[in-house]
Amino acid sequence: MLSKEDTRRLAQLERQLQRDDPDFCTRMGGGNFSVSSTGRPPLPLFILAAVITVAAVVLGVVGWWIATSIVATWAVITLSAAVYRLRRQRADTAYRQS
């Protein structure tokens, strides 16, 4: 966690880099270095959603309906996050190619 002064200085350096070399910032993903720039879909999230869905089905077969509904909701949220990341990634890729 950065202090306020460090955060302010980092923002200033990012703005300066954006002014000095916008092509570099574009190639590096707009300055967000934590985002993968390889173009891979979020496969681990889809696998996690599938595993959670299987767990929900198993709980449903056993008859634990409250646990089933909680785990099924968790699976839907995980799948929604994966689809959101995939769509955002494809939109970013299309934007970079244009």
PDB file of N, CA and C in Angstrom:
ATOM      1  N   MET A   1       0.849  -1.170   0.000  1.00  0.00           N
ATOM      2  CA  MET A   1       0.000   0.000   0.000  1.00  0.00           C
ATOM      3  C   MET A   1       0.892   1.229   0.000  1.00  0.00           C
ATOM      4  N   LEU A   2       0.602   2.142  -0.889  1.00  0.00           N
ATOM      5  CA  LEU A   2       1.397   3.355  -1.009  1.00  0.00           C
ATOM      6  C   LEU A   2       0.822   4.467  -0.141  1.00  0.00           C
ATOM      7  N   SER A   3       1.705   5.321   0.303  1.00  0.00           N
ATOM      8  CA  SER A   3       1.241   6.494   1.044  1.00  0.00           C
ATOM      9  C   SER A   3       0.626   7.485   0.062  1.00  0.00           C
ATOM     10  N   LYS A   4      -0.015   8.506   0.584  1.00  0.00           N
ATOM     11  CA  LYS A   4      -0.636   9.508  -0.292  1.00  0.00           C
ATOM     12  C   LYS A   4       0.407  10.190  -1.165  1.00  0.00           C
ATOM     13  N   GLU A   5       1.553  10.488  -0.578  1.00  0.00           N
ATOM     14  CA  GLU A   5       2.618  11.144  -1.337  1.00  0.00           C
ATOM     15  C   GLU A   5       3.152  10.230  -2.437  1.00  0.00           C
ATOM     16  N   ASP A   6       3.342   8.951  -2.118  1.00  0.00           N
ATOM     17  CA  ASP A   6       3.817   8.001  -3.120  1.00  0.00           C
ATOM     18  C   ASP A   6       2.783   7.810  -4.228  1.00  0.00           C
ATOM     19  N   THR A   7       1.508   7.750  -3.856  1.00  0.00           N
ATOM     20  CA  THR A   7       0.444   7.613  -4.847  1.00  0.00           C
ATOM     21  C   THR A   7       0.402   8.828  -5.764  1.00  0.00           C
ATOM     22  N   ARG A   8       0.543  10.002  -5.188  1.00  0.00           N
ATOM     23  CA  ARG A   8       0.553  11.225  -5.982  1.00  0.00           C
ATOM     24  C   ARG A   8       1.748  11.236  -6.936  1.00  0.00           C
ATOM     25  N   ARG A   9       2.902  10.830  -6.451  1.00  0.00           N
ATOM     26  CA  ARG A   9       4.115  10.807  -7.276  1.00  0.00           C
ATOM     27  C   ARG A   9       3.988   9.773  -8.393  1.00  0.00           C
ATOM     28  N   LEU A  10       3.432   8.608  -8.082  1.00  0.00           N
ATOM     29  CA  LEU A  10       3.231   7.581  -9.096  1.00  0.00           C
ATOM     30  C   LEU A  10       2.276   8.067 -10.182  1.00  0.00           C
ATOM     31  N   ALA A  11       1.195   8.718  -9.793  1.00  0.00           N
ATOM     32  CA  ALA A  11       0.248   9.259 -10.773  1.00  0.00           C
ATOM     33  C   ALA A  11       0.926  10.310 -11.644  1.00  0.00           C
ATOM     34  N   GLN A  12       1.772  11.118 -11.041  1.00  0.00           N
ATOM     35  CA  GLN A  12       2.497  12.135 -11.801  1.00  0.00           C
ATOM     36  C   GLN A  12       3.445  11.479 -12.809  1.00  0.00           C
ATOM     37  N   LEU A  13       4.147  10.438 -12.397  1.00  0.00           N
ATOM     38  CA  LEU A  13       5.045   9.731 -13.311  1.00  0.00           C
ATOM     39  C   LEU A  13       4.272   9.056 -14.444  1.00  0.00           C
ATOM     40  N   GLU A  14       3.102   8.488 -14.123  1.00  0.00           N
ATOM     41  CA  GLU A  14       2.287   7.859 -15.161  1.00  0.00           C
ATOM     42  C   GLU A  14       1.808   8.887 -16.180  1.00  0.00           C
ATOM     43  N   ARG A  15       1.382  10.059 -15.711  1.00  0.00           N
ATOM     44  CA  ARG A  15       0.949  11.106 -16.644  1.00  0.00           C
ATOM     45  C   ARG A  15       2.114  11.572 -17.516  1.00  0.00           C
ATOM     46  N   GLN A  16       3.284  11.704 -16.915  1.00  0.00           N
ATOM     47  CA  GLN A  16       4.454  12.135 -17.675  1.00  0.00           C
ATOM     48  C   GLN A  16       4.824  11.092 -18.728  1.00  0.00           C
ATOM     49  N   LEU A  17       4.787   9.823 -18.370  1.00  0.00           N
ATOM     50  CA  LEU A  17       5.077   8.764 -19.330  1.00  0.00           C
ATOM     51  C   LEU A  17       4.045   8.758 -20.447  1.00  0.00           C
ATOM     52  N   GLN A  18       2.782   8.976 -20.104  1.00  0.00           N
ATOM     53  CA  GLN A  18       1.731   9.025 -21.126  1.00  0.00           C
ATOM     54  C   GLN A  18       1.981  10.162 -22.107  1.00  0.00           C
ATOM     55  N   ARG A  19       2.435  11.309 -21.606  1.00  0.00           N
ATOM     56  CA  ARG A  19       2.744  12.444 -22.488  1.00  0.00           C
ATOM     57  C   ARG A  19       3.988  12.178 -23.330  1.00  0.00           C
ATOM     58  N   ASP A  20       5.022  11.606 -22.711  1.00  0.00           N
ATOM     59  CA  ASP A  20       6.298  11.422 -23.397  1.00  0.00           C
ATOM     60  C   ASP A  20       6.272  10.297 -24.421  1.00  0.00           C
ATOM     61  N   ASP A  21       5.622   9.188 -24.100  1.00  0.00           N
ATOM     62  CA  ASP A  21       5.649   8.029 -24.992  1.00  0.00           C
ATOM     63  C   ASP A  21       4.297   7.308 -24.983  1.00  0.00           C
ATOM     64  N   PRO A  22       3.292   7.869 -25.669  1.00  0.00           N
ATOM     65  CA  PRO A  22       1.969   7.230 -25.661  1.00  0.00           C
ATOM     66  C   PRO A  22       1.966   5.865 -26.353  1.00  0.00           C
ATOM     67  N   ASP A  23       2.853   5.670 -27.346  1.00  0.00           N
ATOM     68  CA  ASP A  23       2.907   4.369 -28.017  1.00  0.00           C
ATOM     69  C   ASP A  23       3.326   3.261 -27.051  1.00  0.00           C
ATOM     70  N   PHE A  24       4.294   3.549 -26.206  1.00  0.00           N
ATOM     71  CA  PHE A  24       4.730   2.576 -25.206  1.00  0.00           C
ATOM     72  C   PHE A  24       3.583   2.231 -24.259  1.00  0.00           C
ATOM     73  N   CYS A  25       2.855   3.242 -23.823  1.00  0.00           N
ATOM     74  CA  CYS A  25       1.731   3.006 -22.910  1.00  0.00           C
ATOM     75  C   CYS A  25       0.651   2.165 -23.575  1.00  0.00           C
ATOM     76  N   THR A  26       0.421   2.394 -24.861  1.00  0.00           N
ATOM     77  CA  THR A  26      -0.563   1.604 -25.595  1.00  0.00           C
ATOM     78  C   THR A  26      -0.114   0.151 -25.692  1.00  0.00           C
ATOM     79  N   ARG A  27       1.167  -0.052 -26.018  1.00  0.00           N
ATOM     80  CA  ARG A  27       1.687  -1.418 -26.118  1.00  0.00           C
ATOM     81  C   ARG A  27       1.643  -2.145 -24.782  1.00  0.00           C
ATOM     82  N   MET A  28       1.814  -1.421 -23.698  1.00  0.00           N
ATOM     83  CA  MET A  28       1.848  -2.043 -22.377  1.00  0.00           C
ATOM     84  C   MET A  28       0.458  -2.163 -21.759  1.00  0.00           C
ATOM     85  N   GLY A  29      -0.577  -1.932 -22.512  1.00  0.00           N
ATOM     86  CA  GLY A  29      -1.929  -2.127 -22.008  1.00  0.00           C
ATOM     87  C   GLY A  29      -2.489  -0.920 -21.307  1.00  0.00           C
ATOM     88  N   GLY A  30      -2.094   0.253 -21.707  1.00  0.00           N
ATOM     89  CA  GLY A  30      -2.642   1.468 -21.136  1.00  0.00           C
ATOM     90  C   GLY A  30      -2.120   1.782 -19.754  1.00  0.00           C
ATOM     91  N   GLY A  31      -1.020   1.182 -19.374  1.00  0.00           N
ATOM     92  CA  GLY A  31      -0.434   1.482 -18.081  1.00  0.00           C
ATOM     93  C   GLY A  31      -0.875   0.558 -16.970  1.00  0.00           C
ATOM     94  N   ASN A  32      -1.807  -0.343 -17.242  1.00  0.00           N
ATOM     95  CA  ASN A  32      -2.254  -1.288 -16.224  1.00  0.00           C
ATOM     96  C   ASN A  32      -1.446  -2.569 -16.396  1.00  0.00           C
ATOM     97  N   PHE A  33      -0.341  -2.679 -15.686  1.00  0.00           N
ATOM     98  CA  PHE A  33       0.580  -3.784 -15.887  1.00  0.00           C
ATOM     99  C   PHE A  33       0.097  -5.081 -15.263  1.00  0.00           C
ATOM    100  N   SER A  34      -0.937  -5.044 -14.449  1.00  0.00           N
ATOM    101  CA  SER A  34      -1.439  -6.269 -13.837  1.00  0.00           C
ATOM    102  C   SER A  34      -2.344  -7.046 -14.791  1.00  0.00           C
ATOM    103  N   VAL A  35      -2.751  -6.436 -15.888  1.00  0.00           N
ATOM    104  CA  VAL A  35      -3.620  -7.092 -16.850  1.00  0.00           C
ATOM    105  C   VAL A  35      -2.766  -7.853 -17.850  1.00  0.00           C
ATOM    106  N   SER A  36      -3.127  -9.085 -18.100  1.00  0.00           N
ATOM    107  CA  SER A  36      -2.382  -9.899 -19.047  1.00  0.00           C
ATOM    108  C   SER A  36      -2.548  -9.341 -20.453  1.00  0.00           C
ATOM    109  N   SER A  37      -1.453  -9.185 -21.151  1.00  0.00           N
ATOM    110  CA  SER A  37      -1.514  -8.662 -22.511  1.00  0.00           C
ATOM    111  C   SER A  37      -1.326  -9.763 -23.538  1.00  0.00           C
ATOM    112  N   THR A  38      -1.405 -11.018 -23.128  1.00  0.00           N
ATOM    113  CA  THR A  38      -1.173 -12.125 -24.039  1.00  0.00           C
ATOM    114  C   THR A  38      -2.403 -12.469 -24.861  1.00  0.00           C
ATOM    115  N   GLY A  39      -3.553 -11.983 -24.496  1.00  0.00           N
ATOM    116  CA  GLY A  39      -4.764 -12.259 -25.252  1.00  0.00           C
ATOM    117  C   GLY A  39      -5.408 -13.585 -24.888  1.00  0.00           C
ATOM    118  N   ARG A  40      -4.995 -14.187 -23.801  1.00  0.00           N
ATOM    119  CA  ARG A  40      -5.579 -15.463 -23.395  1.00  0.00           C
ATOM    120  C   ARG A  40      -6.923 -15.243 -22.716  1.00  0.00           C
ATOM    121  N   PRO A  41      -7.887 -16.124 -22.971  1.00  0.00           N
ATOM    122  CA  PRO A  41      -9.150 -16.023 -22.241  1.00  0.00           C
ATOM    123  C   PRO A  41      -8.935 -16.433 -20.785  1.00  0.00           C
ATOM    124  N   PRO A  42      -9.818 -16.004 -19.901  1.00  0.00           N
ATOM    125  CA  PRO A  42      -9.669 -16.326 -18.477  1.00  0.00           C
ATOM    126  C   PRO A  42     -10.063 -17.777 -18.194  1.00  0.00           C
ATOM    127  N   LEU A  43      -9.296 -18.709 -18.728  1.00  0.00           N
ATOM    128  CA  LEU A  43      -9.612 -20.133 -18.627  1.00  0.00           C
ATOM    129  C   LEU A  43      -9.722 -20.634 -17.186  1.00  0.00           C
ATOM    130  N   PRO A  44      -8.841 -20.229 -16.272  1.00  0.00           N
ATOM    131  CA  PRO A  44      -9.000 -20.721 -14.894  1.00  0.00           C
ATOM    132  C   PRO A  44     -10.343 -20.348 -14.263  1.00  0.00           C
ATOM    133  N   LEU A  45     -10.877 -19.186 -14.612  1.00  0.00           N
ATOM    134  CA  LEU A  45     -12.187 -18.818 -14.068  1.00  0.00           C
ATOM    135  C   LEU A  45     -13.289 -19.713 -14.620  1.00  0.00           C
ATOM    136  N   PHE A  46     -13.211 -20.070 -15.907  1.00  0.00           N
ATOM    137  CA  PHE A  46     -14.209 -20.965 -16.484  1.00  0.00           C
ATOM    138  C   PHE A  46     -14.112 -22.357 -15.850  1.00  0.00           C
ATOM    139  N   ILE A  47     -12.895 -22.832 -15.620  1.00  0.00           N
ATOM    140  CA  ILE A  47     -12.714 -24.136 -14.974  1.00  0.00           C
ATOM    141  C   ILE A  47     -13.259 -24.100 -13.552  1.00  0.00           C
ATOM    142  N   LEU A  48     -12.961 -23.022 -12.836  1.00  0.00           N
ATOM    143  CA  LEU A  48     -13.473 -22.880 -11.470  1.00  0.00           C
ATOM    144  C   LEU A  48     -14.999 -22.863 -11.460  1.00  0.00           C
ATOM    145  N   ALA A  49     -15.607 -22.163 -12.409  1.00  0.00           N
ATOM    146  CA  ALA A  49     -17.073 -22.123 -12.483  1.00  0.00           C
ATOM    147  C   ALA A  49     -17.638 -23.517 -12.759  1.00  0.00           C
ATOM    148  N   ALA A  50     -16.958 -24.298 -13.610  1.00  0.00           N
ATOM    149  CA  ALA A  50     -17.422 -25.656 -13.896  1.00  0.00           C
ATOM    150  C   ALA A  50     -17.321 -26.544 -12.660  1.00  0.00           C
ATOM    151  N   VAL A  51     -16.225 -26.429 -11.929  1.00  0.00           N
ATOM    152  CA  VAL A  51     -16.055 -27.234 -10.708  1.00  0.00           C
ATOM    153  C   VAL A  51     -17.110 -26.865  -9.669  1.00  0.00           C
ATOM    154  N   ILE A  52     -17.372 -25.578  -9.528  1.00  0.00           N
ATOM    155  CA  ILE A  52     -18.385 -25.138  -8.562  1.00  0.00           C
ATOM    156  C   ILE A  52     -19.769 -25.622  -8.986  1.00  0.00           C
ATOM    157  N   THR A  53     -20.042 -25.621 -10.293  1.00  0.00           N
ATOM    158  CA  THR A  53     -21.328 -26.105 -10.790  1.00  0.00           C
ATOM    159  C   THR A  53     -21.500 -27.592 -10.493  1.00  0.00           C
ATOM    160  N   VAL A  54     -20.433 -28.365 -10.691  1.00  0.00           N
ATOM    161  CA  VAL A  54     -20.496 -29.797 -10.369  1.00  0.00           C
ATOM    162  C   VAL A  54     -20.764 -29.989  -8.877  1.00  0.00           C
ATOM    163  N   ALA A  55     -20.124 -29.181  -8.045  1.00  0.00           N
ATOM    164  CA  ALA A  55     -20.367 -29.270  -6.602  1.00  0.00           C
ATOM    165  C   ALA A  55     -21.824 -28.947  -6.278  1.00  0.00           C
ATOM    166  N   ALA A  56     -22.396 -27.973  -6.974  1.00  0.00           N
ATOM    167  CA  ALA A  56     -23.801 -27.624  -6.743  1.00  0.00           C
ATOM    168  C   ALA A  56     -24.718 -28.776  -7.139  1.00  0.00           C
ATOM    169  N   VAL A  57     -24.400 -29.440  -8.248  1.00  0.00           N
ATOM    170  CA  VAL A  57     -25.215 -30.577  -8.683  1.00  0.00           C
ATOM    171  C   VAL A  57     -25.125 -31.712  -7.662  1.00  0.00           C
ATOM    172  N   VAL A  58     -23.926 -31.974  -7.180  1.00  0.00           N
ATOM    173  CA  VAL A  58     -23.753 -33.036  -6.176  1.00  0.00           C
ATOM    174  C   VAL A  58     -24.538 -32.709  -4.907  1.00  0.00           C
ATOM    175  N   LEU A  59     -24.454 -31.473  -4.460  1.00  0.00           N
ATOM    176  CA  LEU A  59     -25.210 -31.079  -3.266  1.00  0.00           C
ATOM    177  C   LEU A  59     -26.715 -31.189  -3.509  1.00  0.00           C
ATOM    178  N   GLY A  60     -27.148 -30.888  -4.735  1.00  0.00           N
ATOM    179  CA  GLY A  60     -28.566 -31.023  -5.056  1.00  0.00           C
ATOM    180  C   GLY A  60     -29.021 -32.466  -5.042  1.00  0.00           C
ATOM    181  N   VAL A  61     -28.176 -33.368  -5.542  1.00  0.00           N
ATOM    182  CA  VAL A  61     -28.515 -34.791  -5.543  1.00  0.00           C
ATOM    183  C   VAL A  61     -28.591 -35.323  -4.111  1.00  0.00           C
ATOM    184  N   VAL A  62     -27.697 -34.843  -3.261  1.00  0.00           N
ATOM    185  CA  VAL A  62     -27.692 -35.276  -1.862  1.00  0.00           C
ATOM    186  C   VAL A  62     -28.926 -34.750  -1.130  1.00  0.00           C
ATOM    187  N   GLY A  63     -29.436 -33.608  -1.581  1.00  0.00           N
ATOM    188  CA  GLY A  63     -30.638 -33.062  -0.967  1.00  0.00           C
ATOM    189  C   GLY A  63     -30.396 -31.876  -0.064  1.00  0.00           C
ATOM    190  N   TRP A  64     -29.235 -31.316  -0.111  1.00  0.00           N
ATOM    191  CA  TRP A  64     -28.926 -30.133   0.691  1.00  0.00           C
ATOM    192  C   TRP A  64     -29.267 -28.901  -0.129  1.00  0.00           C
ATOM    193  N   TRP A  65     -30.517 -28.498  -0.094  1.00  0.00           N
ATOM    194  CA  TRP A  65     -31.018 -27.473  -1.002  1.00  0.00           C
ATOM    195  C   TRP A  65     -30.486 -26.082  -0.690  1.00  0.00           C
ATOM    196  N   ILE A  66     -30.318 -25.760   0.572  1.00  0.00           N
ATOM    197  CA  ILE A  66     -29.792 -24.432   0.919  1.00  0.00           C
ATOM    198  C   ILE A  66     -28.349 -24.310   0.449  1.00  0.00           C
ATOM    199  N   ALA A  67     -27.559 -25.345   0.721  1.00  0.00           N
ATOM    200  CA  ALA A  67     -26.166 -25.335   0.258  1.00  0.00           C
ATOM    201  C   ALA A  67     -26.105 -25.329  -1.265  1.00  0.00           C
ATOM    202  N   THR A  68     -27.024 -26.039  -1.896  1.00  0.00           N
ATOM    203  CA  THR A  68     -27.068 -26.061  -3.361  1.00  0.00           C
ATOM    204  C   THR A  68     -27.319 -24.671  -3.918  1.00  0.00           C
ATOM    205  N   SER A  69     -28.268 -23.963  -3.334  1.00  0.00           N
ATOM    206  CA  SER A  69     -28.576 -22.625  -3.847  1.00  0.00           C
ATOM    207  C   SER A  69     -27.410 -21.662  -3.627  1.00  0.00           C
ATOM    208  N   ILE A  70     -26.725 -21.787  -2.494  1.00  0.00           N
ATOM    209  CA  ILE A  70     -25.573 -20.914  -2.237  1.00  0.00           C
ATOM    210  C   ILE A  70     -24.449 -21.203  -3.224  1.00  0.00           C
ATOM    211  N   VAL A  71     -24.135 -22.473  -3.422  1.00  0.00           N
ATOM    212  CA  VAL A  71     -23.044 -22.842  -4.332  1.00  0.00           C
ATOM    213  C   VAL A  71     -23.418 -22.524  -5.778  1.00  0.00           C
ATOM    214  N   ALA A  72     -24.675 -22.718  -6.152  1.00  0.00           N
ATOM    215  CA  ALA A  72     -25.099 -22.378  -7.512  1.00  0.00           C
ATOM    216  C   ALA A  72     -24.981 -20.876  -7.758  1.00  0.00           C
ATOM    217  N   THR A  73     -25.334 -20.075  -6.771  1.00  0.00           N
ATOM    218  CA  THR A  73     -25.169 -18.620  -6.896  1.00  0.00           C
ATOM    219  C   THR A  73     -23.702 -18.261  -7.053  1.00  0.00           C
ATOM    220  N   TRP A  74     -22.853 -18.909  -6.286  1.00  0.00           N
ATOM    221  CA  TRP A  74     -21.409 -18.695  -6.385  1.00  0.00           C
ATOM    222  C   TRP A  74     -20.907 -19.056  -7.785  1.00  0.00           C
ATOM    223  N   ALA A  75     -21.413 -20.156  -8.350  1.00  0.00           N
ATOM    224  CA  ALA A  75     -21.014 -20.565  -9.696  1.00  0.00           C
ATOM    225  C   ALA A  75     -21.446 -19.534 -10.735  1.00  0.00           C
ATOM    226  N   VAL A  76     -22.653 -19.010 -10.595  1.00  0.00           N
ATOM    227  CA  VAL A  76     -23.143 -17.999 -11.539  1.00  0.00           C
ATOM    228  C   VAL A  76     -22.302 -16.730 -11.452  1.00  0.00           C
ATOM    229  N   ILE A  77     -21.954 -16.317 -10.247  1.00  0.00           N
ATOM    230  CA  ILE A  77     -21.132 -15.113 -10.084  1.00  0.00           C
ATOM    231  C   ILE A  77     -19.748 -15.326 -10.689  1.00  0.00           C
ATOM    232  N   THR A  78     -19.156 -16.497 -10.471  1.00  0.00           N
ATOM    233  CA  THR A  78     -17.835 -16.789 -11.031  1.00  0.00           C
ATOM    234  C   THR A  78     -17.890 -16.826 -12.554  1.00  0.00           C
ATOM    235  N   LEU A  79     -18.909 -17.453 -13.102  1.00  0.00           N
ATOM    236  CA  LEU A  79     -19.047 -17.500 -14.553  1.00  0.00           C
ATOM    237  C   LEU A  79     -19.286 -16.106 -15.122  1.00  0.00           C
ATOM    238  N   SER A  80     -20.066 -15.298 -14.431  1.00  0.00           N
ATOM    239  CA  SER A  80     -20.296 -13.922 -14.887  1.00  0.00           C
ATOM    240  C   SER A  80     -18.997 -13.126 -14.905  1.00  0.00           C
ATOM    241  N   ALA A  81     -18.162 -13.317 -13.896  1.00  0.00           N
ATOM    242  CA  ALA A  81     -16.867 -12.628 -13.867  1.00  0.00           C
ATOM    243  C   ALA A  81     -15.989 -13.077 -15.025  1.00  0.00           C
ATOM    244  N   ALA A  82     -16.004 -14.365 -15.333  1.00  0.00           N
ATOM    245  CA  ALA A  82     -15.201 -14.872 -16.446  1.00  0.00           C
ATOM    246  C   ALA A  82     -15.689 -14.310 -17.778  1.00  0.00           C
ATOM    247  N   VAL A  83     -16.997 -14.287 -17.973  1.00  0.00           N
ATOM    248  CA  VAL A  83     -17.552 -13.742 -19.219  1.00  0.00           C
ATOM    249  C   VAL A  83     -17.262 -12.250 -19.324  1.00  0.00           C
ATOM    250  N   TYR A  84     -17.379 -11.532 -18.221  1.00  0.00           N
ATOM    251  CA  TYR A  84     -17.078 -10.098 -18.223  1.00  0.00           C
ATOM    252  C   TYR A  84     -15.625  -9.852 -18.616  1.00  0.00           C
ATOM    253  N   ARG A  85     -14.705 -10.603 -18.017  1.00  0.00           N
ATOM    254  CA  ARG A  85     -13.286 -10.431 -18.356  1.00  0.00           C
ATOM    255  C   ARG A  85     -13.024 -10.785 -19.812  1.00  0.00           C
ATOM    256  N   LEU A  86     -13.660 -11.840 -20.315  1.00  0.00           N
ATOM    257  CA  LEU A  86     -13.460 -12.244 -21.704  1.00  0.00           C
ATOM    258  C   LEU A  86     -13.969 -11.175 -22.657  1.00  0.00           C
ATOM    259  N   ARG A  87     -15.159 -10.630 -22.390  1.00  0.00           N
ATOM    260  CA  ARG A  87     -15.716  -9.595 -23.268  1.00  0.00           C
ATOM    261  C   ARG A  87     -14.880  -8.329 -23.226  1.00  0.00           C
ATOM    262  N   ARG A  88     -14.430  -7.936 -22.024  1.00  0.00           N
ATOM    263  CA  ARG A  88     -13.600  -6.742 -21.891  1.00  0.00           C
ATOM    264  C   ARG A  88     -12.273  -6.935 -22.615  1.00  0.00           C
ATOM    265  N   GLN A  89     -11.711  -8.130 -22.512  1.00  0.00           N
ATOM    266  CA  GLN A  89     -10.440  -8.424 -23.169  1.00  0.00           C
ATOM    267  C   GLN A  89     -10.599  -8.385 -24.688  1.00  0.00           C
ATOM    268  N   ARG A  90     -11.682  -8.933 -25.192  1.00  0.00           N
ATOM    269  CA  ARG A  90     -11.909  -8.901 -26.643  1.00  0.00           C
ATOM    270  C   ARG A  90     -12.151  -7.480 -27.129  1.00  0.00           C
ATOM    271  N   ALA A  91     -12.841  -6.679 -26.338  1.00  0.00           N
ATOM    272  CA  ALA A  91     -13.067  -5.285 -26.720  1.00  0.00           C
ATOM    273  C   ALA A  91     -11.753  -4.519 -26.728  1.00  0.00           C
ATOM    274  N   ASP A  92     -10.893  -4.765 -25.741  1.00  0.00           N
ATOM    275  CA  ASP A  92      -9.585  -4.108 -25.704  1.00  0.00           C
ATOM    276  C   ASP A  92      -8.730  -4.531 -26.886  1.00  0.00           C
ATOM    277  N   THR A  93      -8.781  -5.816 -27.235  1.00  0.00           N
ATOM    278  CA  THR A  93      -8.005  -6.312 -28.371  1.00  0.00           C
ATOM    279  C   THR A  93      -8.505  -5.688 -29.666  1.00  0.00           C
ATOM    280  N   ALA A  94      -9.823  -5.592 -29.830  1.00  0.00           N
ATOM    281  CA  ALA A  94     -10.378  -4.974 -31.034  1.00  0.00           C
ATOM    282  C   ALA A  94     -10.013  -3.497 -31.100  1.00  0.00           C
ATOM    283  N   TYR A  95      -9.992  -2.830 -29.950  1.00  0.00           N
ATOM    284  CA  TYR A  95      -9.631  -1.415 -29.906  1.00  0.00           C
ATOM    285  C   TYR A  95      -8.171  -1.223 -30.297  1.00  0.00           C
ATOM    286  N   ARG A  96      -7.299  -2.108 -29.831  1.00  0.00           N
ATOM    287  CA  ARG A  96      -5.872  -1.983 -30.160  1.00  0.00           C
ATOM    288  C   ARG A  96      -5.604  -2.246 -31.629  1.00  0.00           C
ATOM    289  N   GLN A  97      -6.391  -3.137 -32.245  1.00  0.00           N
ATOM    290  CA  GLN A  97      -6.162  -3.476 -33.643  1.00  0.00           C
ATOM    291  C   GLN A  97      -6.681  -2.403 -34.585  1.00  0.00           C
ATOM    292  N   SER A  98      -7.600  -1.577 -34.133  1.00  0.00           N
ATOM    293  CA  SER A  98      -8.159  -0.550 -35.017  1.00  0.00           C
ATOM    294  C   SER A  98      -7.318   0.699 -35.036  1.00  0.00           C
TER     295      SER A  98
END
